[in-house]
Amino acid sequence: MSMLLTNRFSGEVSPLQGDAWAAWNASYHEPNGEVYRALGTALYVQDWRDRVTAQLALLDEQNAQLDALLAAAKAAAETEIGPQVHETG
């Protein structure tokens, strides 16, 4: 449960990015370059979505771990000193 939120993607070129770059590069050498540019753009967008989705999954996992730690700490505190009653008004 010691997983910290990290950016596992920094500095890495994903397969989709490599394909996007290749498609964009091909757009300069092919008669129908706009098709290659559109493909490159679509691949970059898909890569971005995949990376954001993965990052959000990491955040969800981290939040679940923090919630579990907080619940365990509250349970331990209540066992040690009894339930806490908060005064209102």
N, C-alpha and C. Protein backbone atom coordinates (compact mmCIF):
# COMPACT_ATOMS: atom_id res chain seq x y z
N MET A 1 0.81 -1.19 0.00
CA MET A 1 0.00 0.00 0.00
C MET A 1 0.85 1.26 0.00
N SER A 2 2.08 1.15 -0.42
CA SER A 2 2.95 2.32 -0.43
C SER A 2 3.10 2.90 -1.82
N MET A 3 2.19 2.55 -2.71
CA MET A 3 2.27 3.07 -4.08
C MET A 3 1.97 4.56 -4.09
N LEU A 4 2.90 5.32 -4.56
CA LEU A 4 2.71 6.76 -4.67
C LEU A 4 2.30 7.10 -6.08
N LEU A 5 1.59 8.19 -6.22
CA LEU A 5 1.19 8.65 -7.53
C LEU A 5 2.42 9.12 -8.29
N THR A 6 2.69 8.48 -9.39
CA THR A 6 3.84 8.86 -10.20
C THR A 6 3.41 8.96 -11.64
N ASN A 7 4.14 9.70 -12.40
CA ASN A 7 3.89 9.79 -13.82
C ASN A 7 4.78 8.77 -14.51
N ARG A 8 4.24 7.61 -14.74
CA ARG A 8 5.02 6.52 -15.33
C ARG A 8 5.31 6.78 -16.80
N PHE A 9 4.69 7.78 -17.37
CA PHE A 9 4.79 7.97 -18.81
C PHE A 9 5.80 9.02 -19.22
N SER A 10 6.33 9.77 -18.28
CA SER A 10 7.23 10.84 -18.66
C SER A 10 8.47 10.28 -19.35
N GLY A 11 8.78 10.84 -20.48
CA GLY A 11 9.98 10.45 -21.20
C GLY A 11 9.82 9.21 -22.07
N GLU A 12 8.74 8.50 -21.92
CA GLU A 12 8.52 7.30 -22.72
C GLU A 12 7.77 7.64 -23.99
N VAL A 13 8.14 6.97 -25.07
CA VAL A 13 7.38 7.09 -26.31
C VAL A 13 6.57 5.81 -26.44
N SER A 14 5.27 5.96 -26.44
CA SER A 14 4.41 4.79 -26.54
C SER A 14 4.35 4.30 -27.99
N PRO A 15 3.90 3.07 -28.18
CA PRO A 15 3.73 2.58 -29.55
C PRO A 15 2.80 3.48 -30.38
N LEU A 16 1.74 3.98 -29.75
CA LEU A 16 0.83 4.87 -30.48
C LEU A 16 1.52 6.16 -30.90
N GLN A 17 2.34 6.70 -30.02
CA GLN A 17 3.07 7.92 -30.37
C GLN A 17 4.03 7.65 -31.53
N GLY A 18 4.69 6.51 -31.49
CA GLY A 18 5.60 6.15 -32.58
C GLY A 18 4.87 6.03 -33.90
N ASP A 19 3.72 5.39 -33.86
CA ASP A 19 2.90 5.26 -35.07
C ASP A 19 2.38 6.61 -35.54
N ALA A 20 2.00 7.46 -34.58
CA ALA A 20 1.50 8.79 -34.94
C ALA A 20 2.60 9.60 -35.61
N TRP A 21 3.80 9.55 -35.05
CA TRP A 21 4.92 10.26 -35.65
C TRP A 21 5.20 9.74 -37.05
N ALA A 22 5.20 8.42 -37.22
CA ALA A 22 5.47 7.82 -38.53
C ALA A 22 4.42 8.25 -39.55
N ALA A 23 3.16 8.26 -39.14
CA ALA A 23 2.09 8.68 -40.06
C ALA A 23 2.26 10.15 -40.43
N TRP A 24 2.55 10.98 -39.43
CA TRP A 24 2.72 12.41 -39.71
C TRP A 24 3.92 12.63 -40.63
N ASN A 25 4.99 11.93 -40.37
CA ASN A 25 6.18 12.06 -41.20
C ASN A 25 5.88 11.61 -42.65
N ALA A 26 5.12 10.55 -42.78
CA ALA A 26 4.76 10.04 -44.11
C ALA A 26 3.92 11.06 -44.87
N SER A 27 3.20 11.92 -44.14
CA SER A 27 2.33 12.89 -44.81
C SER A 27 3.12 13.85 -45.70
N TYR A 28 4.42 14.00 -45.42
CA TYR A 28 5.24 14.90 -46.23
C TYR A 28 5.72 14.24 -47.52
N HIS A 29 5.58 12.92 -47.61
CA HIS A 29 6.13 12.20 -48.74
C HIS A 29 5.08 11.49 -49.59
N GLU A 30 3.84 11.54 -49.18
CA GLU A 30 2.77 10.84 -49.88
C GLU A 30 1.84 11.86 -50.55
N PRO A 31 1.30 11.50 -51.72
CA PRO A 31 0.40 12.42 -52.42
C PRO A 31 -0.85 12.76 -51.61
N ASN A 32 -1.36 11.82 -50.82
CA ASN A 32 -2.56 12.09 -50.00
C ASN A 32 -2.14 12.32 -48.55
N GLY A 33 -1.28 13.31 -48.35
CA GLY A 33 -0.70 13.59 -47.04
C GLY A 33 -1.73 13.94 -45.98
N GLU A 34 -2.85 14.54 -46.39
CA GLU A 34 -3.86 14.91 -45.39
C GLU A 34 -4.42 13.68 -44.68
N VAL A 35 -4.47 12.55 -45.37
CA VAL A 35 -4.96 11.32 -44.75
C VAL A 35 -3.97 10.86 -43.67
N TYR A 36 -2.68 10.94 -43.97
CA TYR A 36 -1.66 10.56 -43.01
C TYR A 36 -1.64 11.51 -41.81
N ARG A 37 -1.85 12.80 -42.08
CA ARG A 37 -1.90 13.76 -40.97
C ARG A 37 -3.12 13.49 -40.09
N ALA A 38 -4.25 13.18 -40.71
CA ALA A 38 -5.45 12.85 -39.93
C ALA A 38 -5.22 11.59 -39.09
N LEU A 39 -4.57 10.60 -39.68
CA LEU A 39 -4.26 9.38 -38.93
C LEU A 39 -3.31 9.68 -37.78
N GLY A 40 -2.28 10.46 -38.05
CA GLY A 40 -1.33 10.83 -37.00
C GLY A 40 -2.02 11.55 -35.86
N THR A 41 -2.89 12.48 -36.19
CA THR A 41 -3.63 13.22 -35.17
C THR A 41 -4.51 12.28 -34.35
N ALA A 42 -5.23 11.39 -35.03
CA ALA A 42 -6.10 10.44 -34.33
C ALA A 42 -5.29 9.54 -33.39
N LEU A 43 -4.12 9.12 -33.83
CA LEU A 43 -3.28 8.27 -32.98
C LEU A 43 -2.76 9.04 -31.76
N TYR A 44 -2.36 10.29 -31.96
CA TYR A 44 -1.92 11.11 -30.83
C TYR A 44 -3.06 11.33 -29.83
N VAL A 45 -4.26 11.58 -30.33
CA VAL A 45 -5.42 11.79 -29.46
C VAL A 45 -5.71 10.51 -28.67
N GLN A 46 -5.67 9.35 -29.34
CA GLN A 46 -5.92 8.09 -28.65
C GLN A 46 -4.87 7.84 -27.58
N ASP A 47 -3.62 8.14 -27.90
CA ASP A 47 -2.54 7.97 -26.92
C ASP A 47 -2.79 8.86 -25.71
N TRP A 48 -3.16 10.10 -25.95
CA TRP A 48 -3.45 11.03 -24.87
C TRP A 48 -4.58 10.51 -23.99
N ARG A 49 -5.66 10.04 -24.63
CA ARG A 49 -6.79 9.50 -23.86
C ARG A 49 -6.37 8.30 -23.03
N ASP A 50 -5.58 7.41 -23.62
CA ASP A 50 -5.10 6.24 -22.89
C ASP A 50 -4.27 6.64 -21.68
N ARG A 51 -3.41 7.63 -21.86
CA ARG A 51 -2.55 8.08 -20.76
C ARG A 51 -3.37 8.75 -19.65
N VAL A 52 -4.34 9.56 -20.02
CA VAL A 52 -5.19 10.22 -19.03
C VAL A 52 -6.01 9.17 -18.28
N THR A 53 -6.56 8.21 -18.99
CA THR A 53 -7.35 7.15 -18.36
C THR A 53 -6.48 6.37 -17.37
N ALA A 54 -5.27 6.05 -17.77
CA ALA A 54 -4.36 5.33 -16.88
C ALA A 54 -4.02 6.17 -15.65
N GLN A 55 -3.81 7.46 -15.84
CA GLN A 55 -3.49 8.34 -14.71
C GLN A 55 -4.67 8.43 -13.75
N LEU A 56 -5.89 8.52 -14.29
CA LEU A 56 -7.07 8.57 -13.43
C LEU A 56 -7.25 7.26 -12.67
N ALA A 57 -6.93 6.14 -13.29
CA ALA A 57 -6.99 4.85 -12.59
C ALA A 57 -6.00 4.83 -11.43
N LEU A 58 -4.81 5.39 -11.64
CA LEU A 58 -3.83 5.48 -10.55
C LEU A 58 -4.35 6.35 -9.41
N LEU A 59 -5.00 7.46 -9.76
CA LEU A 59 -5.57 8.33 -8.74
C LEU A 59 -6.65 7.59 -7.95
N ASP A 60 -7.51 6.84 -8.64
CA ASP A 60 -8.54 6.07 -7.96
C ASP A 60 -7.93 5.06 -7.00
N GLU A 61 -6.88 4.38 -7.45
CA GLU A 61 -6.20 3.40 -6.60
C GLU A 61 -5.58 4.08 -5.37
N GLN A 62 -4.94 5.20 -5.61
CA GLN A 62 -4.33 5.93 -4.49
C GLN A 62 -5.40 6.39 -3.50
N ASN A 63 -6.51 6.91 -4.01
CA ASN A 63 -7.58 7.36 -3.12
C ASN A 63 -8.15 6.20 -2.31
N ALA A 64 -8.30 5.03 -2.93
CA ALA A 64 -8.80 3.86 -2.20
C ALA A 64 -7.82 3.46 -1.10
N GLN A 65 -6.53 3.53 -1.39
CA GLN A 65 -5.52 3.21 -0.38
C GLN A 65 -5.56 4.22 0.77
N LEU A 66 -5.70 5.48 0.44
CA LEU A 66 -5.77 6.51 1.49
C LEU A 66 -7.04 6.35 2.32
N ASP A 67 -8.16 6.03 1.68
CA ASP A 67 -9.40 5.80 2.42
C ASP A 67 -9.26 4.62 3.38
N ALA A 68 -8.60 3.55 2.93
CA ALA A 68 -8.39 2.38 3.79
C ALA A 68 -7.49 2.73 4.97
N LEU A 69 -6.45 3.49 4.73
CA LEU A 69 -5.56 3.91 5.82
C LEU A 69 -6.29 4.80 6.82
N LEU A 70 -7.10 5.70 6.31
CA LEU A 70 -7.86 6.59 7.20
C LEU A 70 -8.86 5.79 8.03
N ALA A 71 -9.55 4.85 7.42
CA ALA A 71 -10.52 4.03 8.16
C ALA A 71 -9.81 3.20 9.23
N ALA A 72 -8.65 2.65 8.89
CA ALA A 72 -7.89 1.86 9.87
C ALA A 72 -7.41 2.74 11.02
N ALA A 73 -6.96 3.96 10.71
CA ALA A 73 -6.49 4.87 11.76
C ALA A 73 -7.65 5.28 12.66
N LYS A 74 -8.82 5.54 12.07
CA LYS A 74 -9.99 5.90 12.89
C LYS A 74 -10.40 4.74 13.79
N ALA A 75 -10.40 3.54 13.23
CA ALA A 75 -10.77 2.36 14.02
C ALA A 75 -9.79 2.15 15.17
N ALA A 76 -8.51 2.33 14.89
CA ALA A 76 -7.50 2.17 15.93
C ALA A 76 -7.66 3.22 17.02
N ALA A 77 -7.96 4.44 16.61
CA ALA A 77 -8.13 5.52 17.58
C ALA A 77 -9.35 5.27 18.45
N GLU A 78 -10.44 4.80 17.86
CA GLU A 78 -11.65 4.54 18.63
C GLU A 78 -11.43 3.38 19.59
N THR A 79 -10.65 2.40 19.18
CA THR A 79 -10.35 1.27 20.06
C THR A 79 -9.50 1.73 21.24
N GLU A 80 -8.59 2.64 20.96
CA GLU A 80 -7.68 3.12 21.98
C GLU A 80 -8.33 4.08 22.97
N ILE A 81 -9.15 5.01 22.47
CA ILE A 81 -9.72 6.04 23.35
C ILE A 81 -11.24 6.08 23.35
N GLY A 82 -11.88 5.21 22.62
CA GLY A 82 -13.32 5.17 22.56
C GLY A 82 -13.86 6.08 21.48
N PRO A 83 -15.12 5.90 21.09
CA PRO A 83 -15.70 6.73 20.03
C PRO A 83 -15.74 8.20 20.44
N GLN A 84 -15.50 9.05 19.48
CA GLN A 84 -15.50 10.49 19.74
C GLN A 84 -16.88 11.05 19.42
N VAL A 85 -17.37 11.88 20.33
CA VAL A 85 -18.65 12.55 20.12
C VAL A 85 -18.36 14.02 19.89
N HIS A 86 -18.83 14.54 18.80
CA HIS A 86 -18.60 15.94 18.48
C HIS A 86 -19.77 16.76 18.97
N GLU A 87 -19.46 17.85 19.66
CA GLU A 87 -20.49 18.75 20.12
C GLU A 87 -21.00 19.58 18.97
N THR A 88 -22.31 19.81 18.94
CA THR A 88 -22.88 20.69 17.92
C THR A 88 -23.58 21.84 18.62
N GLY A 89 -23.51 22.99 17.94
CA GLY A 89 -24.21 24.18 18.41
C GLY A 89 -23.87 24.57 19.74
